[in-house]
Amino acid sequence: MNEATDRARQAGGGGAATDPGVGSPRKGERYRCVTCGMEVQVTADCHCEDPNMVHFHCCGKELRRA
């Protein structure tokens, strides 16, 4: 793991929380940080084998679908 990932895990209480309703990000979807308002837009579908994997973090928290 890299340093940024380690810091994010520590800030989130030691483990990444998952939102099982989010699934794999799809092209066109937007995700927003509830703390600072930073937002990302997905430009290509995710093809991860684990749809419950946490994909995006900011301010030590998982981004929420906007």
PDB file of N, CA and C in Angstrom:
ATOM      1  N   MET A   1       0.831  -1.190   0.000  1.00  0.00           N
ATOM      2  CA  MET A   1       0.000   0.000   0.000  1.00  0.00           C
ATOM      3  C   MET A   1       0.873   1.249   0.000  1.00  0.00           C
ATOM      4  N   ASN A   2       0.326   2.315  -0.541  1.00  0.00           N
ATOM      5  CA  ASN A   2       1.087   3.554  -0.538  1.00  0.00           C
ATOM      6  C   ASN A   2       0.728   4.404   0.676  1.00  0.00           C
ATOM      7  N   GLU A   3       1.471   5.460   0.876  1.00  0.00           N
ATOM      8  CA  GLU A   3       1.293   6.312   2.058  1.00  0.00           C
ATOM      9  C   GLU A   3      -0.099   6.945   2.104  1.00  0.00           C
ATOM     10  N   ALA A   4      -0.624   7.399   0.982  1.00  0.00           N
ATOM     11  CA  ALA A   4      -1.946   8.025   0.952  1.00  0.00           C
ATOM     12  C   ALA A   4      -3.035   7.025   1.349  1.00  0.00           C
ATOM     13  N   THR A   5      -2.910   5.800   0.883  1.00  0.00           N
ATOM     14  CA  THR A   5      -3.883   4.765   1.241  1.00  0.00           C
ATOM     15  C   THR A   5      -3.816   4.468   2.729  1.00  0.00           C
ATOM     16  N   ASP A   6      -2.600   4.374   3.262  1.00  0.00           N
ATOM     17  CA  ASP A   6      -2.430   4.130   4.697  1.00  0.00           C
ATOM     18  C   ASP A   6      -3.076   5.234   5.519  1.00  0.00           C
ATOM     19  N   ARG A   7      -2.870   6.494   5.126  1.00  0.00           N
ATOM     20  CA  ARG A   7      -3.464   7.622   5.853  1.00  0.00           C
ATOM     21  C   ARG A   7      -4.986   7.579   5.784  1.00  0.00           C
ATOM     22  N   ALA A   8      -5.530   7.240   4.620  1.00  0.00           N
ATOM     23  CA  ALA A   8      -6.988   7.173   4.464  1.00  0.00           C
ATOM     24  C   ALA A   8      -7.575   6.085   5.358  1.00  0.00           C
ATOM     25  N   ARG A   9      -6.904   4.944   5.439  1.00  0.00           N
ATOM     26  CA  ARG A   9      -7.392   3.863   6.304  1.00  0.00           C
ATOM     27  C   ARG A   9      -7.353   4.283   7.767  1.00  0.00           C
ATOM     28  N   GLN A  10      -6.292   4.949   8.173  1.00  0.00           N
ATOM     29  CA  GLN A  10      -6.169   5.394   9.558  1.00  0.00           C
ATOM     30  C   GLN A  10      -7.238   6.421   9.891  1.00  0.00           C
ATOM     31  N   ALA A  11      -7.491   7.323   8.991  1.00  0.00           N
ATOM     32  CA  ALA A  11      -8.493   8.364   9.230  1.00  0.00           C
ATOM     33  C   ALA A  11      -9.893   7.771   9.310  1.00  0.00           C
ATOM     34  N   GLY A  12     -10.123   6.679   8.611  1.00  0.00           N
ATOM     35  CA  GLY A  12     -11.438   6.054   8.597  1.00  0.00           C
ATOM     36  C   GLY A  12     -11.649   5.027   9.684  1.00  0.00           C
ATOM     37  N   GLY A  13     -10.773   4.976  10.670  1.00  0.00           N
ATOM     38  CA  GLY A  13     -10.946   4.044  11.772  1.00  0.00           C
ATOM     39  C   GLY A  13     -10.280   2.706  11.544  1.00  0.00           C
ATOM     40  N   GLY A  14      -9.334   2.629  10.615  1.00  0.00           N
ATOM     41  CA  GLY A  14      -8.579   1.401  10.436  1.00  0.00           C
ATOM     42  C   GLY A  14      -9.069   0.512   9.313  1.00  0.00           C
ATOM     43  N   GLY A  15     -10.240   0.752   8.791  1.00  0.00           N
ATOM     44  CA  GLY A  15     -10.742  -0.074   7.702  1.00  0.00           C
ATOM     45  C   GLY A  15     -11.631   0.745   6.801  1.00  0.00           C
ATOM     46  N   ALA A  16     -11.675   0.362   5.559  1.00  0.00           N
ATOM     47  CA  ALA A  16     -12.499   1.092   4.604  1.00  0.00           C
ATOM     48  C   ALA A  16     -13.942   0.661   4.744  1.00  0.00           C
ATOM     49  N   ALA A  17     -14.823   1.614   4.908  1.00  0.00           N
ATOM     50  CA  ALA A  17     -16.258   1.312   4.966  1.00  0.00           C
ATOM     51  C   ALA A  17     -16.773   1.164   3.548  1.00  0.00           C
ATOM     52  N   THR A  18     -17.689   0.250   3.357  1.00  0.00           N
ATOM     53  CA  THR A  18     -18.247   0.083   2.021  1.00  0.00           C
ATOM     54  C   THR A  18     -19.713   0.454   2.030  1.00  0.00           C
ATOM     55  N   ASP A  19     -20.197   0.902   0.898  1.00  0.00           N
ATOM     56  CA  ASP A  19     -21.609   1.204   0.717  1.00  0.00           C
ATOM     57  C   ASP A  19     -22.106   0.212  -0.324  1.00  0.00           C
ATOM     58  N   PRO A  20     -22.728  -0.894   0.097  1.00  0.00           N
ATOM     59  CA  PRO A  20     -23.118  -1.926  -0.853  1.00  0.00           C
ATOM     60  C   PRO A  20     -24.102  -1.454  -1.914  1.00  0.00           C
ATOM     61  N   GLY A  21     -24.723  -0.293  -1.729  1.00  0.00           N
ATOM     62  CA  GLY A  21     -25.640   0.217  -2.730  1.00  0.00           C
ATOM     63  C   GLY A  21     -24.952   0.909  -3.891  1.00  0.00           C
ATOM     64  N   VAL A  22     -23.673   1.219  -3.764  1.00  0.00           N
ATOM     65  CA  VAL A  22     -22.974   1.954  -4.817  1.00  0.00           C
ATOM     66  C   VAL A  22     -22.585   1.042  -5.973  1.00  0.00           C
ATOM     67  N   GLY A  23     -22.008  -0.117  -5.709  1.00  0.00           N
ATOM     68  CA  GLY A  23     -21.576  -1.019  -6.768  1.00  0.00           C
ATOM     69  C   GLY A  23     -20.415  -0.446  -7.548  1.00  0.00           C
ATOM     70  N   SER A  24     -20.183  -0.956  -8.737  1.00  0.00           N
ATOM     71  CA  SER A  24     -19.068  -0.494  -9.567  1.00  0.00           C
ATOM     72  C   SER A  24     -19.422   0.824 -10.238  1.00  0.00           C
ATOM     73  N   PRO A  25     -18.517   1.799 -10.170  1.00  0.00           N
ATOM     74  CA  PRO A  25     -18.781   3.083 -10.830  1.00  0.00           C
ATOM     75  C   PRO A  25     -18.979   2.922 -12.333  1.00  0.00           C
ATOM     76  N   ARG A  26     -19.897   3.681 -12.873  1.00  0.00           N
ATOM     77  CA  ARG A  26     -20.207   3.648 -14.305  1.00  0.00           C
ATOM     78  C   ARG A  26     -19.967   5.008 -14.935  1.00  0.00           C
ATOM     79  N   LYS A  27     -19.657   4.986 -16.213  1.00  0.00           N
ATOM     80  CA  LYS A  27     -19.395   6.209 -16.962  1.00  0.00           C
ATOM     81  C   LYS A  27     -20.542   7.199 -16.775  1.00  0.00           C
ATOM     82  N   GLY A  28     -20.178   8.448 -16.484  1.00  0.00           N
ATOM     83  CA  GLY A  28     -21.157   9.505 -16.319  1.00  0.00           C
ATOM     84  C   GLY A  28     -21.574   9.763 -14.884  1.00  0.00           C
ATOM     85  N   GLU A  29     -21.343   8.798 -13.986  1.00  0.00           N
ATOM     86  CA  GLU A  29     -21.701   8.997 -12.589  1.00  0.00           C
ATOM     87  C   GLU A  29     -20.762  10.010 -11.948  1.00  0.00           C
ATOM     88  N   ARG A  30     -21.273  10.717 -10.929  1.00  0.00           N
ATOM     89  CA  ARG A  30     -20.467  11.672 -10.169  1.00  0.00           C
ATOM     90  C   ARG A  30     -20.461  11.251  -8.717  1.00  0.00           C
ATOM     91  N   TYR A  31     -19.333  11.488  -8.059  1.00  0.00           N
ATOM     92  CA  TYR A  31     -19.181  11.176  -6.645  1.00  0.00           C
ATOM     93  C   TYR A  31     -18.663  12.420  -5.941  1.00  0.00           C
ATOM     94  N   ARG A  32     -19.187  12.683  -4.731  1.00  0.00           N
ATOM     95  CA  ARG A  32     -18.860  13.923  -4.014  1.00  0.00           C
ATOM     96  C   ARG A  32     -18.435  13.609  -2.583  1.00  0.00           C
ATOM     97  N   CYS A  33     -17.469  14.405  -2.095  1.00  0.00           N
ATOM     98  CA  CYS A  33     -17.033  14.339  -0.702  1.00  0.00           C
ATOM     99  C   CYS A  33     -18.019  15.152   0.130  1.00  0.00           C
ATOM    100  N   VAL A  34     -18.608  14.531   1.170  1.00  0.00           N
ATOM    101  CA  VAL A  34     -19.573  15.234   2.007  1.00  0.00           C
ATOM    102  C   VAL A  34     -18.890  16.230   2.942  1.00  0.00           C
ATOM    103  N   THR A  35     -17.572  16.121   3.108  1.00  0.00           N
ATOM    104  CA  THR A  35     -16.845  17.023   3.999  1.00  0.00           C
ATOM    105  C   THR A  35     -16.432  18.311   3.294  1.00  0.00           C
ATOM    106  N   CYS A  36     -15.749  18.184   2.142  1.00  0.00           N
ATOM    107  CA  CYS A  36     -15.207  19.386   1.494  1.00  0.00           C
ATOM    108  C   CYS A  36     -15.901  19.749   0.179  1.00  0.00           C
ATOM    109  N   GLY A  37     -16.716  18.845  -0.364  1.00  0.00           N
ATOM    110  CA  GLY A  37     -17.439  19.145  -1.600  1.00  0.00           C
ATOM    111  C   GLY A  37     -16.707  18.775  -2.878  1.00  0.00           C
ATOM    112  N   MET A  38     -15.458  18.251  -2.763  1.00  0.00           N
ATOM    113  CA  MET A  38     -14.732  17.839  -3.958  1.00  0.00           C
ATOM    114  C   MET A  38     -15.567  16.796  -4.691  1.00  0.00           C
ATOM    115  N   GLU A  39     -15.546  16.842  -6.025  1.00  0.00           N
ATOM    116  CA  GLU A  39     -16.376  15.951  -6.818  1.00  0.00           C
ATOM    117  C   GLU A  39     -15.575  15.371  -7.964  1.00  0.00           C
ATOM    118  N   VAL A  40     -15.856  14.111  -8.302  1.00  0.00           N
ATOM    119  CA  VAL A  40     -15.239  13.470  -9.460  1.00  0.00           C
ATOM    120  C   VAL A  40     -16.333  12.924 -10.359  1.00  0.00           C
ATOM    121  N   GLN A  41     -16.046  12.865 -11.666  1.00  0.00           N
ATOM    122  CA  GLN A  41     -16.971  12.266 -12.617  1.00  0.00           C
ATOM    123  C   GLN A  41     -16.251  11.102 -13.285  1.00  0.00           C
ATOM    124  N   VAL A  42     -16.931   9.968 -13.381  1.00  0.00           N
ATOM    125  CA  VAL A  42     -16.363   8.762 -13.964  1.00  0.00           C
ATOM    126  C   VAL A  42     -16.423   8.888 -15.483  1.00  0.00           C
ATOM    127  N   THR A  43     -15.291   8.632 -16.148  1.00  0.00           N
ATOM    128  CA  THR A  43     -15.238   8.747 -17.609  1.00  0.00           C
ATOM    129  C   THR A  43     -15.181   7.393 -18.299  1.00  0.00           C
ATOM    130  N   ALA A  44     -15.075   6.299 -17.520  1.00  0.00           N
ATOM    131  CA  ALA A  44     -15.093   4.951 -18.073  1.00  0.00           C
ATOM    132  C   ALA A  44     -15.646   4.005 -17.011  1.00  0.00           C
ATOM    133  N   ASP A  45     -16.408   3.003 -17.437  1.00  0.00           N
ATOM    134  CA  ASP A  45     -16.961   2.026 -16.500  1.00  0.00           C
ATOM    135  C   ASP A  45     -15.859   1.301 -15.740  1.00  0.00           C
ATOM    136  N   CYS A  46     -16.155   0.939 -14.488  1.00  0.00           N
ATOM    137  CA  CYS A  46     -15.265   0.126 -13.680  1.00  0.00           C
ATOM    138  C   CYS A  46     -15.571  -1.340 -13.964  1.00  0.00           C
ATOM    139  N   HIS A  47     -14.535  -2.138 -14.084  1.00  0.00           N
ATOM    140  CA  HIS A  47     -14.719  -3.564 -14.350  1.00  0.00           C
ATOM    141  C   HIS A  47     -14.101  -4.408 -13.238  1.00  0.00           C
ATOM    142  N   CYS A  48     -14.096  -3.881 -11.999  1.00  0.00           N
ATOM    143  CA  CYS A  48     -13.574  -4.624 -10.850  1.00  0.00           C
ATOM    144  C   CYS A  48     -14.387  -5.897 -10.643  1.00  0.00           C
ATOM    145  N   GLU A  49     -13.713  -6.931 -10.165  1.00  0.00           N
ATOM    146  CA  GLU A  49     -14.410  -8.171  -9.870  1.00  0.00           C
ATOM    147  C   GLU A  49     -15.255  -8.059  -8.607  1.00  0.00           C
ATOM    148  N   ASP A  50     -14.875  -7.160  -7.673  1.00  0.00           N
ATOM    149  CA  ASP A  50     -15.614  -6.983  -6.420  1.00  0.00           C
ATOM    150  C   ASP A  50     -16.380  -5.668  -6.480  1.00  0.00           C
ATOM    151  N   PRO A  51     -17.700  -5.695  -6.751  1.00  0.00           N
ATOM    152  CA  PRO A  51     -18.475  -4.458  -6.877  1.00  0.00           C
ATOM    153  C   PRO A  51     -18.621  -3.695  -5.562  1.00  0.00           C
ATOM    154  N   ASN A  52     -18.322  -4.332  -4.416  1.00  0.00           N
ATOM    155  CA  ASN A  52     -18.432  -3.653  -3.130  1.00  0.00           C
ATOM    156  C   ASN A  52     -17.125  -2.996  -2.704  1.00  0.00           C
ATOM    157  N   MET A  53     -16.120  -3.051  -3.558  1.00  0.00           N
ATOM    158  CA  MET A  53     -14.839  -2.422  -3.269  1.00  0.00           C
ATOM    159  C   MET A  53     -15.030  -0.903  -3.191  1.00  0.00           C
ATOM    160  N   VAL A  54     -14.371  -0.274  -2.218  1.00  0.00           N
ATOM    161  CA  VAL A  54     -14.429   1.180  -2.101  1.00  0.00           C
ATOM    162  C   VAL A  54     -13.527   1.764  -3.178  1.00  0.00           C
ATOM    163  N   HIS A  55     -14.061   2.654  -3.993  1.00  0.00           N
ATOM    164  CA  HIS A  55     -13.315   3.182  -5.125  1.00  0.00           C
ATOM    165  C   HIS A  55     -12.722   4.566  -4.893  1.00  0.00           C
ATOM    166  N   PHE A  56     -13.429   5.436  -4.198  1.00  0.00           N
ATOM    167  CA  PHE A  56     -12.988   6.827  -4.089  1.00  0.00           C
ATOM    168  C   PHE A  56     -13.023   7.285  -2.630  1.00  0.00           C
ATOM    169  N   HIS A  57     -11.954   7.981  -2.212  1.00  0.00           N
ATOM    170  CA  HIS A  57     -11.861   8.540  -0.855  1.00  0.00           C
ATOM    171  C   HIS A  57     -11.440  10.003  -0.919  1.00  0.00           C
ATOM    172  N   CYS A  58     -11.885  10.775   0.050  1.00  0.00           N
ATOM    173  CA  CYS A  58     -11.442  12.150   0.250  1.00  0.00           C
ATOM    174  C   CYS A  58     -11.706  12.487   1.710  1.00  0.00           C
ATOM    175  N   CYS A  59     -10.836  13.253   2.312  1.00  0.00           N
ATOM    176  CA  CYS A  59     -10.977  13.654   3.716  1.00  0.00           C
ATOM    177  C   CYS A  59     -11.158  12.448   4.641  1.00  0.00           C
ATOM    178  N   GLY A  60     -10.561  11.311   4.256  1.00  0.00           N
ATOM    179  CA  GLY A  60     -10.623  10.115   5.072  1.00  0.00           C
ATOM    180  C   GLY A  60     -11.937   9.366   5.022  1.00  0.00           C
ATOM    181  N   LYS A  61     -12.819   9.724   4.088  1.00  0.00           N
ATOM    182  CA  LYS A  61     -14.131   9.092   3.985  1.00  0.00           C
ATOM    183  C   LYS A  61     -14.399   8.666   2.551  1.00  0.00           C
ATOM    184  N   GLU A  62     -15.303   7.703   2.410  1.00  0.00           N
ATOM    185  CA  GLU A  62     -15.726   7.267   1.084  1.00  0.00           C
ATOM    186  C   GLU A  62     -16.588   8.357   0.446  1.00  0.00           C
ATOM    187  N   LEU A  63     -16.355   8.618  -0.851  1.00  0.00           N
ATOM    188  CA  LEU A  63     -17.189   9.583  -1.565  1.00  0.00           C
ATOM    189  C   LEU A  63     -18.581   8.979  -1.754  1.00  0.00           C
ATOM    190  N   ARG A  64     -19.565   9.835  -1.809  1.00  0.00           N
ATOM    191  CA  ARG A  64     -20.967   9.432  -2.009  1.00  0.00           C
ATOM    192  C   ARG A  64     -21.383   9.768  -3.431  1.00  0.00           C
ATOM    193  N   ARG A  65     -22.261   8.951  -3.986  1.00  0.00           N
ATOM    194  CA  ARG A  65     -22.771   9.231  -5.335  1.00  0.00           C
ATOM    195  C   ARG A  65     -23.559  10.530  -5.295  1.00  0.00           C
ATOM    196  N   ALA A  66     -23.262  11.414  -6.233  1.00  0.00           N
ATOM    197  CA  ALA A  66     -23.919  12.733  -6.272  1.00  0.00           C
ATOM    198  C   ALA A  66     -25.199  12.679  -7.072  1.00  0.00           C
TER     199      ALA A  66
END
